[in-house]
Amino acid sequence: MSNLGQILMLVLTVVLKLCFPTTGMGERQTAVRNPDPSYTIYQKYRYAYESYGYLFLYEEKETSGIAAGAEATAEAENAEKAEAVTGPAIQAEVPALAQLQDYDYLMKKFYSVHASTTAGRDLMRAEALLGTDLRLAQDGSVPQILIYHTHAQETYADYGPSRREATVVTVGEYLSELLRKKGWNVIHDTGNYDMQGGKLDRNRAYNYALDGITGVLQKYPSIQVILDLHRDGVSEKLHLVSEVNGKQTASIMFFQGMSRTPEGAIEYLPNPYLKENLAFSFQMQYLAAGRYPGFTRKIYLKGLRYNLHLRPRSALIEVGAQTNTLDEALHAMEPLAELLDMVLQGK
């Protein structure tokens, strides 16, 4: 995003907060008996989100004819992400807690922070991130994990007439299977939220996805883990791959929406679970540093919410990019399933 675009986004944020408050919209709210807490939050802010969210969510770009992820918005960001890919030296060893308590060290080694947001010392404390209890007792009788795709049309390098399954949805199904084998009850939502009327519509995909997944949570309130799997869009010169367990494996990146600009919180896009979300991704990242060196890129922080406000264990995960093959992306689900299982079981 250009500097002018960032300035316009900040100005729009201020104007909307001043001119379009999110309270007093009772006539727009839907009466639901015993609503899920996340659904209540959704209804409270739905008017502003649906009416003005598109001003901040339009980030579509094309990479060599392939629709890239909404999170990769400009060549400048590709350069920033390339640094996170090519320089993950910290992944070769697990830093001691004393090192991680140094804010500057923590941010340099584990995070890339986009100019649209800020990550202050109050939030980014390693002791709190590692100490947050995210354990979840397994109960195979009810759904506990939801996997979905805001951008279900994202494809991999070998996608074509002979391999139409080379999509992020196939990757999500494989992760679902792996987690089920570990005893978790998983729902894989394969809804095409980025397709409307037979046309690709990325700029409102997060709005459509929010409708879909809040409906799933209403039906299955037992769900406590939500994973939005994407495929990133990067420079064609980048090949996000490492060797894991003897397999060529696409690198993954945890992507965190902060619900805040450098000016402060985006009040009409609240995330009551931001601290838990940050802990969720960081704990998996920290485990990966010791178990799978080079597998993860730096955690990418950006200003908007990206529907990560619905559960304390929510994560948006970029699985490789358009330069990876489907097999490389599928291989990435094996270590990811291990990391998820370890964090959820407190291992």
Protein backbone atom coordinates (compact mmCIF):
# COMPACT_ATOMS: atom_id res chain seq x y z
CA MET A 1 0.00 0.00 0.00
CA SER A 2 1.40 3.44 -0.88
CA ASN A 3 2.06 6.13 1.72
CA LEU A 4 -0.90 8.05 0.32
CA GLY A 5 -3.08 4.96 0.73
CA GLN A 6 -1.99 4.59 4.36
CA ILE A 7 -2.76 8.23 5.06
CA LEU A 8 -6.20 7.91 3.47
CA MET A 9 -6.92 4.79 5.52
CA LEU A 10 -6.05 6.62 8.75
CA VAL A 11 -8.18 9.62 7.77
CA LEU A 12 -11.13 7.37 6.92
CA THR A 13 -10.78 5.57 10.23
CA VAL A 14 -11.01 8.84 12.16
CA VAL A 15 -13.91 10.14 10.06
CA LEU A 16 -15.92 6.94 10.47
CA LYS A 17 -15.41 6.87 14.22
CA LEU A 18 -16.59 10.47 14.49
CA CYS A 19 -19.46 10.37 12.03
CA PHE A 20 -20.81 6.83 12.13
CA PRO A 21 -20.98 5.43 15.68
CA THR A 22 -21.74 1.74 15.97
CA THR A 23 -24.26 2.01 18.78
CA GLY A 24 -27.96 2.64 18.40
CA MET A 25 -28.33 0.23 15.48
CA GLY A 26 -30.80 -2.02 17.20
CA GLU A 27 -33.09 -2.22 14.23
CA ARG A 28 -30.27 -3.87 12.27
CA GLN A 29 -29.61 -6.54 14.87
CA THR A 30 -31.06 -10.01 14.57
CA ALA A 31 -32.81 -11.51 17.56
CA VAL A 32 -31.16 -14.82 18.39
CA ARG A 33 -32.05 -16.95 21.35
CA ASN A 34 -29.02 -17.49 23.61
CA PRO A 35 -26.62 -16.12 20.97
CA ASP A 36 -23.01 -17.16 20.83
CA PRO A 37 -20.83 -14.36 22.33
CA SER A 38 -18.99 -13.86 19.04
CA TYR A 39 -22.32 -13.51 17.25
CA THR A 40 -23.38 -10.80 19.69
CA ILE A 41 -20.21 -8.85 18.92
CA TYR A 42 -20.81 -9.34 15.21
CA GLN A 43 -24.35 -8.01 15.39
CA LYS A 44 -23.34 -4.99 17.46
CA TYR A 45 -20.82 -3.79 14.90
CA ARG A 46 -22.39 -5.21 11.76
CA TYR A 47 -23.73 -1.91 10.43
CA ALA A 48 -20.37 -0.15 10.34
CA TYR A 49 -18.53 -3.27 9.24
CA GLU A 50 -20.79 -3.99 6.29
CA SER A 51 -21.17 -0.36 5.27
CA TYR A 52 -17.61 0.82 5.53
CA GLY A 53 -15.37 -2.23 5.86
CA TYR A 54 -14.75 -2.37 2.11
CA LEU A 55 -12.88 0.92 2.34
CA PHE A 56 -10.18 -0.92 4.25
CA LEU A 57 -10.43 -4.43 2.85
CA TYR A 58 -9.81 -3.72 -0.84
CA GLU A 59 -6.30 -5.09 -1.33
CA GLU A 60 -6.66 -7.27 -4.44
CA LYS A 61 -3.73 -7.66 -6.81
CA GLU A 62 -2.72 -10.04 -9.56
CA THR A 63 0.54 -11.98 -9.78
CA SER A 64 1.28 -13.34 -13.27
CA GLY A 65 -2.40 -13.89 -13.93
CA ILE A 66 -2.99 -15.68 -10.62
CA ALA A 67 -5.11 -13.87 -8.04
CA ALA A 68 -2.78 -13.29 -5.13
CA GLY A 69 -3.69 -13.23 -1.44
CA ALA A 70 -5.28 -10.03 -0.18
CA GLU A 71 -2.48 -9.69 2.32
CA ALA A 72 0.22 -9.21 -0.35
CA THR A 73 -0.64 -5.76 -1.62
CA ALA A 74 2.45 -4.25 -3.24
CA GLU A 75 5.99 -4.97 -4.34
CA ALA A 76 7.25 -3.12 -1.26
CA GLU A 77 5.50 -5.65 0.94
CA ASN A 78 7.04 -8.46 -1.09
CA ALA A 79 10.45 -7.08 -0.23
CA GLU A 80 9.54 -6.97 3.44
CA LYS A 81 8.22 -10.51 3.33
CA ALA A 82 11.27 -11.69 1.42
CA GLU A 83 13.40 -10.63 4.35
CA ALA A 84 11.21 -12.72 6.62
CA VAL A 85 11.72 -15.70 4.31
CA THR A 86 15.40 -15.45 3.53
CA GLY A 87 16.61 -14.43 6.94
CA PRO A 88 14.97 -16.72 9.54
CA ALA A 89 18.23 -17.43 11.38
CA ILE A 90 16.39 -17.39 14.69
CA GLN A 91 14.49 -20.48 13.57
CA ALA A 92 17.70 -22.53 13.81
CA GLU A 93 17.67 -22.40 17.61
CA VAL A 94 15.16 -21.76 20.37
CA PRO A 95 15.92 -18.43 22.06
CA ALA A 96 16.08 -18.42 25.84
CA LEU A 97 13.29 -16.67 27.70
CA ALA A 98 15.77 -14.05 28.89
CA GLN A 99 16.45 -13.13 25.26
CA LEU A 100 12.77 -13.05 24.41
CA GLN A 101 12.06 -10.65 27.26
CA ASP A 102 14.04 -8.07 25.31
CA TYR A 103 11.29 -6.35 23.32
CA ASP A 104 13.58 -5.28 20.50
CA TYR A 105 15.01 -8.78 20.13
CA LEU A 106 11.55 -10.36 20.16
CA MET A 107 10.18 -8.05 17.49
CA LYS A 108 13.23 -8.30 15.25
CA LYS A 109 13.49 -12.08 15.35
CA PHE A 110 9.84 -13.12 15.33
CA TYR A 111 7.73 -10.40 13.72
CA SER A 112 7.29 -8.25 10.63
CA VAL A 113 5.10 -5.23 11.40
CA HIS A 114 3.24 -3.54 8.55
CA ALA A 115 3.07 0.26 8.53
CA SER A 116 -0.72 0.09 8.97
CA THR A 117 -0.45 -1.00 12.60
CA THR A 118 1.61 -0.95 15.76
CA ALA A 119 2.69 -3.59 18.27
CA GLY A 120 3.54 -2.02 21.60
CA ARG A 121 5.40 -3.35 24.61
CA ASP A 122 2.11 -3.78 26.47
CA LEU A 123 1.06 -6.55 24.07
CA MET A 124 4.34 -8.03 22.92
CA ARG A 125 5.65 -9.61 26.12
CA ALA A 126 7.18 -13.05 25.62
CA GLU A 127 6.40 -14.24 29.13
CA ALA A 128 2.69 -13.49 28.64
CA LEU A 129 2.63 -14.91 25.11
CA LEU A 130 4.20 -18.19 26.21
CA GLY A 131 2.34 -18.30 29.52
CA THR A 132 -1.18 -18.00 28.10
CA ASP A 133 -3.02 -21.27 28.69
CA LEU A 134 -4.50 -22.38 25.37
CA ARG A 135 -5.10 -26.01 26.27
CA LEU A 136 -8.33 -27.55 25.06
CA ALA A 137 -9.64 -30.85 26.40
CA GLN A 138 -10.43 -33.16 23.50
CA ASP A 139 -14.08 -34.11 23.03
CA GLY A 140 -14.63 -36.14 19.89
CA SER A 141 -18.39 -36.00 20.30
CA VAL A 142 -18.66 -32.32 19.26
CA PRO A 143 -16.87 -30.09 16.72
CA GLN A 144 -13.97 -28.21 18.30
CA ILE A 145 -11.97 -26.94 15.31
CA LEU A 146 -13.20 -24.98 12.28
CA ILE A 147 -11.05 -24.65 9.16
CA TYR A 148 -12.21 -22.35 6.37
CA HIS A 149 -10.87 -20.19 3.54
CA THR A 150 -11.71 -16.53 3.03
CA HIS A 151 -10.04 -16.85 -0.39
CA ALA A 152 -10.98 -20.33 -1.53
CA GLN A 153 -10.00 -19.61 -5.15
CA GLU A 154 -6.30 -19.34 -4.33
CA THR A 155 -4.31 -21.89 -6.32
CA TYR A 156 -0.78 -23.28 -6.50
CA ALA A 157 1.84 -23.36 -9.26
CA ASP A 158 0.71 -26.68 -10.75
CA TYR A 159 -2.97 -25.76 -10.90
CA GLY A 160 -4.48 -26.40 -14.33
CA PRO A 161 -6.79 -28.67 -16.34
CA SER A 162 -4.86 -31.75 -15.25
CA ARG A 163 -4.70 -30.76 -11.57
CA ARG A 164 -7.69 -28.70 -10.59
CA GLU A 165 -7.33 -29.86 -7.00
CA ALA A 166 -4.19 -27.70 -6.56
CA THR A 167 -6.03 -25.19 -4.37
CA VAL A 168 -5.89 -24.01 -0.80
CA VAL A 169 -9.16 -25.90 -0.14
CA THR A 170 -7.42 -29.22 -0.83
CA VAL A 171 -4.73 -28.19 1.63
CA GLY A 172 -7.39 -27.42 4.24
CA GLU A 173 -8.98 -30.83 3.79
CA TYR A 174 -5.64 -32.56 4.35
CA LEU A 175 -5.05 -30.58 7.54
CA SER A 176 -8.55 -31.56 8.67
CA GLU A 177 -7.76 -35.24 8.09
CA LEU A 178 -4.49 -35.03 10.01
CA LEU A 179 -6.14 -33.36 12.99
CA ARG A 180 -8.98 -35.91 13.00
CA LYS A 181 -6.41 -38.68 13.21
CA LYS A 182 -5.10 -36.98 16.33
CA GLY A 183 -8.54 -37.16 17.92
CA TRP A 184 -9.92 -33.71 17.10
CA ASN A 185 -13.43 -33.21 15.73
CA VAL A 186 -12.93 -30.84 12.79
CA ILE A 187 -15.36 -29.04 10.50
CA HIS A 188 -13.93 -27.96 7.14
CA ASP A 189 -16.01 -25.16 5.65
CA THR A 190 -15.36 -25.09 1.88
CA GLY A 191 -17.57 -22.08 1.14
CA ASN A 192 -16.51 -19.85 -1.77
CA TYR A 193 -16.57 -16.53 0.04
CA ASP A 194 -14.48 -14.82 -2.64
CA MET A 195 -16.91 -15.76 -5.42
CA GLN A 196 -20.15 -13.86 -5.83
CA GLY A 197 -22.46 -14.29 -8.80
CA GLY A 198 -19.88 -16.43 -10.52
CA LYS A 199 -17.24 -13.68 -10.33
CA LEU A 200 -14.17 -13.27 -8.17
CA ASP A 201 -14.88 -10.68 -5.46
CA ARG A 202 -11.96 -10.39 -3.08
CA ASN A 203 -12.63 -6.92 -1.73
CA ARG A 204 -15.65 -8.07 0.30
CA ALA A 205 -14.65 -11.67 0.90
CA TYR A 206 -14.01 -11.05 4.60
CA ASN A 207 -17.54 -9.69 4.98
CA TYR A 208 -19.04 -12.73 3.28
CA ALA A 209 -16.83 -15.08 5.29
CA LEU A 210 -17.90 -13.42 8.52
CA ASP A 211 -21.53 -14.18 7.72
CA GLY A 212 -20.66 -17.78 6.95
CA ILE A 213 -18.50 -18.62 9.93
CA THR A 214 -20.69 -16.87 12.49
CA GLY A 215 -23.49 -19.11 11.21
CA VAL A 216 -21.29 -22.17 11.73
CA LEU A 217 -20.51 -21.03 15.28
CA GLN A 218 -24.19 -20.54 16.00
CA LYS A 219 -24.81 -24.12 14.95
CA TYR A 220 -21.72 -25.53 16.68
CA PRO A 221 -20.90 -23.34 19.71
CA SER A 222 -18.49 -26.03 20.90
CA ILE A 223 -15.94 -24.82 18.32
CA GLN A 224 -13.00 -23.19 20.10
CA VAL A 225 -10.35 -23.10 17.35
CA ILE A 226 -10.75 -21.24 14.04
CA LEU A 227 -8.17 -21.45 11.26
CA ASP A 228 -8.39 -19.40 8.06
CA LEU A 229 -6.01 -21.01 5.55
CA HIS A 230 -4.67 -18.90 2.70
CA ARG A 231 -2.05 -19.11 -0.01
CA ASP A 232 0.15 -16.03 -0.13
CA GLY A 233 1.02 -13.94 -3.17
CA VAL A 234 4.70 -12.98 -3.49
CA SER A 235 7.29 -12.05 -6.09
CA GLU A 236 7.75 -14.73 -8.73
CA LYS A 237 11.42 -14.84 -7.70
CA LEU A 238 10.54 -16.22 -4.28
CA HIS A 239 10.14 -19.93 -3.61
CA LEU A 240 8.97 -20.39 -0.04
CA VAL A 241 10.28 -23.86 0.69
CA SER A 242 12.38 -25.75 3.23
CA GLU A 243 13.09 -29.39 3.92
CA VAL A 244 11.03 -30.87 6.74
CA ASN A 245 11.28 -34.57 7.57
CA GLY A 246 13.00 -35.15 4.24
CA LYS A 247 10.23 -33.50 2.21
CA GLN A 248 10.22 -30.30 0.19
CA THR A 249 7.78 -28.27 2.26
CA ALA A 250 6.13 -24.91 1.68
CA SER A 251 6.92 -22.34 4.35
CA ILE A 252 3.99 -21.09 6.40
CA MET A 253 3.37 -17.67 7.89
CA PHE A 254 1.10 -16.78 10.76
CA PHE A 255 -0.73 -13.55 9.92
CA GLN A 256 -2.23 -11.49 12.73
CA GLY A 257 -4.74 -8.69 12.31
CA MET A 258 -4.21 -6.22 15.15
CA SER A 259 -7.50 -4.27 14.92
CA ARG A 260 -5.49 -1.10 15.36
CA THR A 261 -3.71 1.60 13.39
CA PRO A 262 -0.68 3.54 14.64
CA GLU A 263 -3.24 6.00 16.03
CA GLY A 264 -4.89 3.41 18.25
CA ALA A 265 -7.62 0.76 18.24
CA ILE A 266 -10.12 0.56 15.38
CA GLU A 267 -13.12 0.73 17.64
CA TYR A 268 -15.71 -0.51 15.16
CA LEU A 269 -13.56 -3.61 14.47
CA PRO A 270 -12.88 -4.82 18.01
CA ASN A 271 -11.04 -8.03 18.82
CA PRO A 272 -11.61 -9.04 22.44
CA TYR A 273 -9.31 -12.02 21.92
CA LEU A 274 -6.29 -10.21 20.50
CA LYS A 275 -3.96 -11.22 23.33
CA GLU A 276 -4.99 -14.87 23.07
CA ASN A 277 -4.64 -14.81 19.27
CA LEU A 278 -1.14 -13.37 19.58
CA ALA A 279 -0.24 -16.07 22.09
CA PHE A 280 -1.71 -18.80 19.87
CA SER A 281 0.45 -17.93 16.87
CA PHE A 282 3.54 -17.18 18.94
CA GLN A 283 3.42 -20.50 20.78
CA MET A 284 3.27 -22.39 17.49
CA GLN A 285 6.04 -20.21 16.07
CA TYR A 286 8.22 -20.82 19.13
CA LEU A 287 7.72 -24.58 18.95
CA ALA A 288 8.50 -24.55 15.23
CA ALA A 289 11.81 -22.80 15.91
CA GLY A 290 13.03 -25.86 17.77
CA ARG A 291 11.29 -28.67 15.92
CA TYR A 292 11.18 -27.48 12.31
CA PRO A 293 13.95 -24.92 11.64
CA GLY A 294 13.16 -22.73 8.64
CA PHE A 295 9.57 -23.94 8.34
CA THR A 296 7.91 -20.71 9.48
CA ARG A 297 8.36 -17.16 8.25
CA LYS A 298 8.14 -14.27 10.66
CA ILE A 299 4.68 -13.59 12.06
CA TYR A 300 3.16 -10.79 9.98
CA LEU A 301 1.21 -8.08 11.83
CA LYS A 302 -1.22 -5.83 9.99
CA GLY A 303 -3.82 -3.26 10.99
CA LEU A 304 -7.25 -4.75 10.30
CA ARG A 305 -9.09 -7.56 12.06
CA TYR A 306 -9.42 -10.22 9.35
CA ASN A 307 -12.19 -12.01 11.30
CA LEU A 308 -9.79 -13.11 14.05
CA HIS A 309 -12.13 -11.90 16.77
CA LEU A 310 -14.47 -14.87 17.05
CA ARG A 311 -12.51 -17.21 19.31
CA PRO A 312 -9.43 -16.97 21.56
CA ARG A 313 -7.65 -19.57 19.40
CA SER A 314 -8.01 -17.96 15.98
CA ALA A 315 -5.29 -17.87 13.34
CA LEU A 316 -4.89 -16.80 9.73
CA ILE A 317 -2.19 -18.94 8.14
CA GLU A 318 -0.51 -18.40 4.79
CA VAL A 319 0.54 -21.77 3.33
CA GLY A 320 3.25 -21.12 0.77
CA ALA A 321 2.54 -18.91 -2.23
CA GLN A 322 1.62 -19.08 -5.91
CA THR A 323 5.19 -20.26 -6.62
CA ASN A 324 4.75 -23.43 -4.53
CA THR A 325 3.32 -26.73 -5.78
CA LEU A 326 0.36 -28.43 -4.21
CA ASP A 327 2.58 -31.21 -2.86
CA GLU A 328 4.82 -28.69 -1.11
CA ALA A 329 1.73 -27.12 0.48
CA LEU A 330 0.34 -30.51 1.53
CA HIS A 331 3.65 -31.44 3.13
CA ALA A 332 3.39 -28.27 5.23
CA MET A 333 0.20 -29.52 6.87
CA GLU A 334 2.04 -32.35 8.61
CA PRO A 335 4.28 -30.19 10.82
CA LEU A 336 1.46 -27.63 11.21
CA ALA A 337 -0.86 -30.34 12.55
CA GLU A 338 1.86 -31.31 15.04
CA LEU A 339 2.29 -27.72 16.20
CA LEU A 340 -1.46 -27.19 16.60
CA ASP A 341 -1.87 -30.42 18.54
CA MET A 342 1.04 -29.62 20.84
CA VAL A 343 -0.28 -26.16 21.73
CA LEU A 344 -3.85 -27.36 22.24
CA GLN A 345 -2.71 -30.21 24.46
CA GLY A 346 -0.17 -28.10 26.31
CA LYS A 347 2.75 -30.34 25.37
